[in-house]
Amino acid sequence: MSNVERTTDDTWSRIATTIEFFGPQWFGSTMGTGVLGVALALVAARADLAPVATLAVAFVGLTVVATVAYLIPWCLRLVLYPDRVWADLTHPIRSQFFPTMPITLIVLGVGIAQTMGDALPEATLRPLLTALFAAGSAGIFGFGLLLVSLMFTNDRIGPDDSVFAWYIPPVSHLVIPLLGFLLVSEYYAGTLAGQILFAVSVIALGVGTFMFLFFGSIVLSRYAYETLPHEKLAPTFTIGLAPTAVLVVDVARLTQALQAGVGFDIAVAPLVPLLKLLALLLWGFSAWWFVLTGVLVAYYVTRRTHSFFFTWWAYTFPIGAFAVSADVLATFLGVAVFGHVLIGVTALLLVIWTITAGQTWRLVARGRAFTAD
């Protein structure tokens, strides 16, 4: 065999291995990258920093490129390696990361609207955001039903398997209103399409809220009565930040959608004070969980180990959601101090993202990123 043939065979072998072991967790990195772009855009607007605004656009652009690149092996894997996909779907922990793909589409829509809304013409922006909303919502509802059904019918799942990654399939519905309410208030208020978008977003809000409460009790029971998860899963504790942080943004966006007019004859003015109190209540829980996460990470670092795993990407989106919720609360309540929280948490997120991205690149460069787990 010639050197050219051997090189070609090796190349195709690496491509096949990449596709075969391109697990569902990879879209966790695009979620974290996209929300960092949104947070940086908010920092730039609040502090009037043009270079940060440029950096925000760069991160959203990187999210676009990575999402398109990831979709290729993600889709090919469904066709070429269905047994691997099924093994992941029936795994009690790996399966929970499948919804990160449609979640990325929603986050991408929010990021594009936040950073490129003024640059793109409405004739391009509105259908793009609507398409991302439709595809992301369908994927979140679909994976949510599928994975929860598989979980309930799998008799091999035990208490040791319950970690905060279990939040992702059911609670991911809370992400849908982030883009849905934005579309209603900006483009579709007072139209039939606006009513449909509003109804889908409110239904998703209901599913995500109640499943957050139900699954939260299950997972917290595991943490209280069983041993803490393996160090590889330590970052998933941070996922507990996301539901209430996202709910803060949902509540503010809901208020904006109602004020824009959705055609359901809902009196908005009496609801606004209650919605503001609800947003503050929800954000308070996220702030408390943020501190608790720091305590738990310190425990792993000092009492156990906390070496790098791909699961470190689980730190990024929840912390980014918490940062964004602080800015939203600052505007919603008219209290500027929350803007300082945005800046501080976003700076922390940028450091975490840089370290995690660097370590991930090292895994890829050393050929250790796509292997049997």
Protein backbone atom coordinates (compact mmCIF):
# COMPACT_ATOMS: atom_id res chain seq x y z
CA MET A 1 0.00 0.00 0.00
CA SER A 2 1.37 3.42 -0.95
CA ASN A 3 1.86 6.23 1.51
CA VAL A 4 -0.95 8.17 -0.19
CA GLU A 5 -3.38 5.27 0.18
CA ARG A 6 -2.36 4.75 3.81
CA THR A 7 -2.81 8.46 4.54
CA THR A 8 -6.23 8.44 2.84
CA ASP A 9 -7.33 5.38 4.83
CA ASP A 10 -6.15 6.98 8.07
CA THR A 11 -8.05 10.17 7.26
CA TRP A 12 -11.30 8.34 6.53
CA SER A 13 -10.81 6.24 9.66
CA ARG A 14 -10.49 9.40 11.80
CA ILE A 15 -13.58 10.90 10.15
CA ALA A 16 -15.57 7.71 10.78
CA THR A 17 -14.44 7.61 14.41
CA THR A 18 -15.38 11.26 14.89
CA ILE A 19 -18.88 10.61 13.55
CA GLU A 20 -19.35 7.41 15.53
CA PHE A 21 -18.39 8.99 18.85
CA PHE A 22 -19.78 12.48 18.28
CA GLY A 23 -21.93 12.37 21.38
CA PRO A 24 -24.92 14.59 22.14
CA GLN A 25 -22.94 16.54 24.74
CA TRP A 26 -21.05 18.54 22.10
CA PHE A 27 -23.85 21.06 21.69
CA GLY A 28 -23.33 22.02 25.33
CA SER A 29 -20.32 23.99 24.08
CA THR A 30 -22.41 25.94 21.55
CA MET A 31 -24.98 26.75 24.24
CA GLY A 32 -22.24 28.16 26.45
CA THR A 33 -20.59 30.07 23.60
CA GLY A 34 -23.88 31.60 22.47
CA VAL A 35 -24.95 32.76 25.90
CA LEU A 36 -21.50 34.29 26.45
CA GLY A 37 -22.05 36.35 23.30
CA VAL A 38 -25.41 37.54 24.64
CA ALA A 39 -23.93 38.42 28.05
CA LEU A 40 -21.04 40.33 26.45
CA ALA A 41 -23.49 42.29 24.29
CA LEU A 42 -25.39 43.31 27.42
CA VAL A 43 -22.17 44.33 29.15
CA ALA A 44 -21.20 46.41 26.11
CA ALA A 45 -24.57 48.17 26.08
CA ARG A 46 -24.56 48.83 29.82
CA ALA A 47 -20.93 50.03 30.01
CA ASP A 48 -20.81 51.58 26.51
CA LEU A 49 -17.80 49.49 25.43
CA ALA A 50 -17.53 49.14 21.66
CA PRO A 51 -14.70 46.52 21.75
CA VAL A 52 -16.85 44.29 23.98
CA ALA A 53 -19.72 44.65 21.51
CA THR A 54 -17.39 43.46 18.74
CA LEU A 55 -16.32 40.53 20.91
CA ALA A 56 -19.97 39.66 21.49
CA VAL A 57 -20.61 39.52 17.74
CA ALA A 58 -17.53 37.31 17.37
CA PHE A 59 -18.84 34.82 19.94
CA VAL A 60 -22.28 34.68 18.32
CA GLY A 61 -20.59 34.23 14.94
CA LEU A 62 -18.48 31.42 16.41
CA THR A 63 -21.69 29.82 17.69
CA VAL A 64 -23.16 29.92 14.18
CA VAL A 65 -20.06 28.29 12.68
CA ALA A 66 -19.80 25.64 15.41
CA THR A 67 -23.52 24.82 15.21
CA VAL A 68 -23.36 24.24 11.45
CA ALA A 69 -20.15 22.21 11.83
CA TYR A 70 -21.58 20.06 14.64
CA LEU A 71 -24.84 19.37 12.80
CA ILE A 72 -22.96 17.48 10.07
CA PRO A 73 -21.55 14.63 12.24
CA TRP A 74 -24.61 14.81 14.56
CA CYS A 75 -26.97 14.06 11.65
CA LEU A 76 -24.66 11.57 9.93
CA ARG A 77 -24.40 9.62 13.17
CA LEU A 78 -28.18 9.08 13.17
CA VAL A 79 -27.90 7.39 9.78
CA LEU A 80 -24.54 5.62 9.97
CA TYR A 81 -24.44 4.55 13.62
CA PRO A 82 -28.04 4.12 14.86
CA ASP A 83 -26.92 1.56 17.46
CA ARG A 84 -24.59 4.14 19.04
CA VAL A 85 -27.38 6.72 19.02
CA TRP A 86 -29.80 4.28 20.65
CA ALA A 87 -27.23 3.37 23.29
CA ASP A 88 -26.91 7.08 24.13
CA LEU A 89 -30.69 7.59 24.13
CA THR A 90 -31.15 4.80 26.65
CA HIS A 91 -28.21 5.79 28.85
CA PRO A 92 -29.42 7.42 32.09
CA ILE A 93 -27.01 10.38 31.84
CA ARG A 94 -25.68 10.72 28.27
CA SER A 95 -29.25 10.75 26.94
CA GLN A 96 -30.03 13.94 28.83
CA PHE A 97 -27.76 15.98 26.54
CA PHE A 98 -29.66 15.36 23.29
CA PRO A 99 -31.84 18.49 23.75
CA THR A 100 -28.73 20.68 23.80
CA MET A 101 -28.94 20.72 19.99
CA PRO A 102 -32.40 22.36 19.73
CA ILE A 103 -31.62 24.52 22.77
CA THR A 104 -28.64 25.84 20.80
CA LEU A 105 -31.00 26.92 18.01
CA ILE A 106 -33.06 29.02 20.45
CA VAL A 107 -29.93 30.49 22.07
CA LEU A 108 -28.57 31.25 18.61
CA GLY A 109 -31.77 33.12 17.72
CA VAL A 110 -31.54 35.22 20.87
CA GLY A 111 -27.85 35.88 20.21
CA ILE A 112 -28.45 36.98 16.62
CA ALA A 113 -31.28 39.27 17.69
CA GLN A 114 -29.13 40.76 20.47
CA THR A 115 -25.93 41.33 18.50
CA MET A 116 -27.00 41.62 14.85
CA GLY A 117 -30.54 42.93 15.07
CA ASP A 118 -29.54 46.38 13.88
CA ALA A 119 -27.28 45.12 11.10
CA LEU A 120 -29.58 42.62 9.40
CA PRO A 121 -32.67 43.81 7.47
CA GLU A 122 -36.02 42.79 8.93
CA ALA A 123 -36.82 40.86 5.76
CA THR A 124 -33.92 38.55 6.65
CA LEU A 125 -33.99 38.70 10.44
CA ARG A 126 -37.66 37.92 11.10
CA PRO A 127 -37.90 34.70 9.02
CA LEU A 128 -34.49 33.57 10.33
CA LEU A 129 -35.51 33.99 13.95
CA THR A 130 -38.90 32.42 13.31
CA ALA A 131 -37.29 29.39 11.65
CA LEU A 132 -34.87 28.97 14.56
CA PHE A 133 -37.81 29.21 16.97
CA ALA A 134 -39.84 26.61 15.07
CA ALA A 135 -36.96 24.13 14.73
CA GLY A 136 -35.73 24.65 18.30
CA SER A 137 -39.21 24.34 19.82
CA ALA A 138 -40.00 21.17 17.85
CA GLY A 139 -36.71 19.61 18.94
CA ILE A 140 -37.16 20.54 22.60
CA PHE A 141 -40.74 19.26 22.79
CA GLY A 142 -39.79 16.12 20.84
CA PHE A 143 -36.71 15.20 22.87
CA GLY A 144 -38.47 16.13 26.10
CA LEU A 145 -41.28 13.66 25.49
CA LEU A 146 -39.00 10.96 24.12
CA LEU A 147 -36.38 11.05 26.86
CA VAL A 148 -38.77 11.33 29.78
CA SER A 149 -40.76 8.40 28.33
CA LEU A 150 -37.59 6.32 27.99
CA MET A 151 -36.59 7.24 31.52
CA PHE A 152 -39.94 6.21 32.98
CA THR A 153 -39.91 2.87 31.12
CA ASN A 154 -36.28 2.00 31.91
CA ASP A 155 -36.26 -0.28 34.96
CA ARG A 156 -32.45 -0.19 35.21
CA ILE A 157 -32.26 3.44 36.33
CA GLY A 158 -31.42 3.83 40.02
CA PRO A 159 -30.90 6.69 42.50
CA ASP A 160 -27.18 6.85 41.70
CA ASP A 161 -28.01 7.90 38.13
CA SER A 162 -29.93 11.04 39.07
CA VAL A 163 -27.82 14.16 38.53
CA PHE A 164 -28.71 17.69 37.49
CA ALA A 165 -28.27 16.75 33.83
CA TRP A 166 -31.76 15.26 34.30
CA TYR A 167 -33.04 18.82 34.23
CA ILE A 168 -32.11 19.32 30.59
CA PRO A 169 -34.87 17.44 28.66
CA PRO A 170 -37.92 18.59 30.65
CA VAL A 171 -36.70 21.96 31.91
CA SER A 172 -35.28 22.96 28.51
CA HIS A 173 -38.84 24.01 27.62
CA LEU A 174 -38.16 27.19 29.62
CA VAL A 175 -35.76 28.31 26.88
CA ILE A 176 -38.51 28.39 24.22
CA PRO A 177 -40.21 31.58 25.53
CA LEU A 178 -36.90 33.48 25.44
CA LEU A 179 -37.21 33.69 21.67
CA GLY A 180 -40.97 33.24 21.40
CA PHE A 181 -41.91 36.25 23.53
CA LEU A 182 -39.21 38.32 21.79
CA LEU A 183 -40.74 37.51 18.39
CA VAL A 184 -44.21 38.43 19.66
CA SER A 185 -43.18 41.78 21.10
CA GLU A 186 -40.89 42.77 18.21
CA TYR A 187 -42.60 41.42 15.09
CA TYR A 188 -45.91 39.60 15.56
CA ALA A 189 -47.93 41.54 18.15
CA GLY A 190 -51.64 41.63 17.31
CA THR A 191 -51.46 38.95 14.62
CA LEU A 192 -52.59 35.32 14.42
CA ALA A 193 -48.94 34.27 14.17
CA GLY A 194 -48.27 36.24 17.34
CA GLN A 195 -51.05 34.41 19.15
CA ILE A 196 -49.67 31.06 18.07
CA LEU A 197 -46.13 31.98 19.13
CA PHE A 198 -47.44 33.30 22.45
CA ALA A 199 -49.51 30.16 23.12
CA VAL A 200 -46.60 27.82 22.30
CA SER A 201 -44.29 29.84 24.55
CA VAL A 202 -46.73 29.86 27.47
CA ILE A 203 -47.34 26.11 27.14
CA ALA A 204 -43.56 25.54 27.13
CA LEU A 205 -43.29 27.80 30.18
CA GLY A 206 -45.82 25.65 32.00
CA VAL A 207 -44.12 22.38 31.09
CA GLY A 208 -40.67 23.63 32.05
CA THR A 209 -41.78 25.20 35.34
CA PHE A 210 -43.61 22.17 36.69
CA MET A 211 -41.00 19.69 35.49
CA PHE A 212 -38.33 21.84 37.19
CA LEU A 213 -40.19 21.40 40.47
CA PHE A 214 -40.81 17.67 40.00
CA PHE A 215 -37.35 16.68 38.79
CA GLY A 216 -35.70 19.02 41.29
CA SER A 217 -37.09 17.03 44.19
CA ILE A 218 -35.90 13.75 42.64
CA VAL A 219 -32.34 14.95 42.01
CA LEU A 220 -31.96 16.71 45.35
CA SER A 221 -33.04 13.52 47.12
CA ARG A 222 -30.17 11.73 45.41
CA TYR A 223 -27.67 14.39 46.53
CA ALA A 224 -28.95 14.26 50.12
CA TYR A 225 -29.19 10.49 50.58
CA GLU A 226 -26.53 9.08 48.25
CA THR A 227 -22.86 9.88 47.78
CA LEU A 228 -21.93 12.84 45.61
CA PRO A 229 -21.49 11.98 41.91
CA HIS A 230 -18.16 11.16 40.33
CA GLU A 231 -15.86 14.13 39.74
CA LYS A 232 -16.67 13.98 36.03
CA LEU A 233 -20.26 14.96 36.83
CA ALA A 234 -19.46 17.66 39.39
CA PRO A 235 -20.03 20.53 36.90
CA THR A 236 -23.60 19.37 36.27
CA PHE A 237 -24.53 20.76 39.69
CA THR A 238 -24.29 24.20 38.10
CA ILE A 239 -27.27 23.32 35.89
CA GLY A 240 -29.41 24.05 38.96
CA LEU A 241 -28.71 27.74 38.30
CA ALA A 242 -30.35 27.75 34.90
CA PRO A 243 -34.09 27.18 35.46
CA THR A 244 -34.79 30.13 37.74
CA ALA A 245 -32.32 32.38 35.89
CA VAL A 246 -34.07 31.63 32.60
CA LEU A 247 -37.45 32.12 34.29
CA VAL A 248 -36.41 35.66 35.28
CA VAL A 249 -35.84 36.47 31.61
CA ASP A 250 -39.06 34.68 30.67
CA VAL A 251 -41.08 36.79 33.10
CA ALA A 252 -39.62 40.05 31.76
CA ARG A 253 -40.17 38.96 28.15
CA LEU A 254 -43.71 37.84 29.00
CA THR A 255 -44.43 41.31 30.33
CA GLN A 256 -43.12 42.89 27.13
CA ALA A 257 -45.20 40.54 24.98
CA LEU A 258 -48.36 41.31 26.95
CA GLN A 259 -47.70 45.04 26.72
CA ALA A 260 -47.19 44.74 22.96
CA GLY A 261 -50.58 43.05 22.68
CA VAL A 262 -51.30 39.39 22.06
CA GLY A 263 -55.05 39.57 21.51
CA PHE A 264 -56.14 37.46 24.49
CA ASP A 265 -57.81 40.30 26.39
CA ILE A 266 -55.38 40.11 29.33
CA ALA A 267 -55.18 43.19 31.57
CA VAL A 268 -51.44 43.89 31.80
CA ALA A 269 -51.16 46.79 34.26
CA PRO A 270 -52.37 44.91 37.37
CA LEU A 271 -49.98 42.04 36.61
CA VAL A 272 -46.77 44.04 36.23
CA PRO A 273 -46.04 44.60 39.97
CA LEU A 274 -46.62 40.91 40.69
CA LEU A 275 -44.41 39.88 37.79
CA LYS A 276 -41.63 42.13 39.09
CA LEU A 277 -41.84 40.55 42.53
CA LEU A 278 -41.84 37.09 40.95
CA ALA A 279 -38.74 37.94 38.91
CA LEU A 280 -36.88 39.11 42.02
CA LEU A 281 -37.93 35.98 43.93
CA LEU A 282 -36.69 33.70 41.15
CA TRP A 283 -33.41 35.58 40.77
CA GLY A 284 -32.81 35.31 44.51
CA PHE A 285 -32.91 31.53 44.26
CA SER A 286 -30.42 31.59 41.37
CA ALA A 287 -28.08 33.83 43.38
CA TRP A 288 -28.29 31.43 46.34
CA TRP A 289 -27.58 28.47 44.05
CA PHE A 290 -24.65 30.34 42.51
CA VAL A 291 -23.02 30.59 45.95
CA LEU A 292 -23.90 26.96 46.75
CA THR A 293 -22.24 25.87 43.51
CA GLY A 294 -19.06 27.62 44.59
CA VAL A 295 -19.16 25.76 47.91
CA LEU A 296 -19.65 22.41 46.21
CA VAL A 297 -16.88 23.01 43.67
CA ALA A 298 -14.56 23.97 46.53
CA TYR A 299 -15.46 20.66 48.21
CA TYR A 300 -14.51 18.70 45.10
CA VAL A 301 -11.25 20.64 44.72
CA THR A 302 -10.17 20.25 48.34
CA ARG A 303 -11.61 16.85 49.31
CA ARG A 304 -11.69 14.95 46.03
CA THR A 305 -10.40 15.92 42.58
CA HIS A 306 -11.63 18.22 39.86
CA SER A 307 -9.59 17.46 36.75
CA PHE A 308 -10.84 18.49 33.33
CA PHE A 309 -13.62 16.59 31.58
CA PHE A 310 -15.80 17.69 28.69
CA THR A 311 -18.57 18.11 31.28
CA TRP A 312 -16.90 21.41 32.29
CA TRP A 313 -19.03 22.93 29.52
CA ALA A 314 -21.92 22.46 31.95
CA TYR A 315 -20.53 25.46 33.83
CA THR A 316 -20.97 27.84 30.92
CA PHE A 317 -24.64 28.10 29.96
CA PRO A 318 -26.05 28.23 33.52
CA ILE A 319 -23.56 30.90 34.59
CA GLY A 320 -24.30 32.82 31.39
CA ALA A 321 -28.05 32.57 32.02
CA PHE A 322 -27.48 33.92 35.54
CA ALA A 323 -25.47 36.85 34.16
CA VAL A 324 -28.15 37.69 31.58
CA SER A 325 -30.90 37.45 34.21
CA ALA A 326 -29.08 40.05 36.33
CA ASP A 327 -29.13 42.54 33.45
CA VAL A 328 -32.77 41.81 32.70
CA LEU A 329 -33.65 42.33 36.35
CA ALA A 330 -31.74 45.63 36.43
CA THR A 331 -33.88 46.92 33.56
CA PHE A 332 -37.12 45.32 34.72
CA LEU A 333 -36.90 46.70 38.28
CA GLY A 334 -34.92 49.85 37.46
CA VAL A 335 -32.20 48.90 39.95
CA ALA A 336 -28.75 49.53 38.46
CA VAL A 337 -26.83 47.47 41.02
CA PHE A 338 -27.84 44.27 39.24
CA GLY A 339 -25.90 45.56 36.23
CA HIS A 340 -22.69 45.24 38.26
CA VAL A 341 -23.55 41.59 38.88
CA LEU A 342 -23.86 41.14 35.12
CA ILE A 343 -20.36 42.52 34.55
CA GLY A 344 -18.75 40.47 37.32
CA VAL A 345 -20.40 37.17 36.41
CA THR A 346 -19.73 37.68 32.69
CA ALA A 347 -16.03 38.24 33.44
CA LEU A 348 -16.01 34.97 35.40
CA LEU A 349 -17.79 33.22 32.53
CA LEU A 350 -15.24 34.50 30.02
CA VAL A 351 -12.43 33.01 32.12
CA ILE A 352 -14.24 29.67 32.47
CA TRP A 353 -15.05 29.57 28.76
CA THR A 354 -11.42 30.28 27.81
CA ILE A 355 -10.07 27.53 30.05
CA THR A 356 -12.71 25.01 28.96
CA ALA A 357 -12.31 25.78 25.26
CA GLY A 358 -8.53 25.50 25.55
CA GLN A 359 -8.72 22.14 27.34
CA THR A 360 -11.27 20.88 24.82
CA TRP A 361 -8.99 21.81 21.95
CA ARG A 362 -6.19 19.86 23.63
CA LEU A 363 -8.44 16.78 23.76
CA VAL A 364 -9.21 17.15 20.06
CA ALA A 365 -5.55 17.73 19.13
CA ARG A 366 -4.44 14.65 21.07
CA GLY A 367 -7.14 12.47 19.49
CA ARG A 368 -8.90 11.86 22.82
CA ALA A 369 -12.11 13.77 22.16
CA PHE A 370 -13.92 11.13 20.12
CA THR A 371 -13.59 7.81 21.91
CA ALA A 372 -15.90 5.31 23.56
CA ASP A 373 -17.02 6.72 26.91
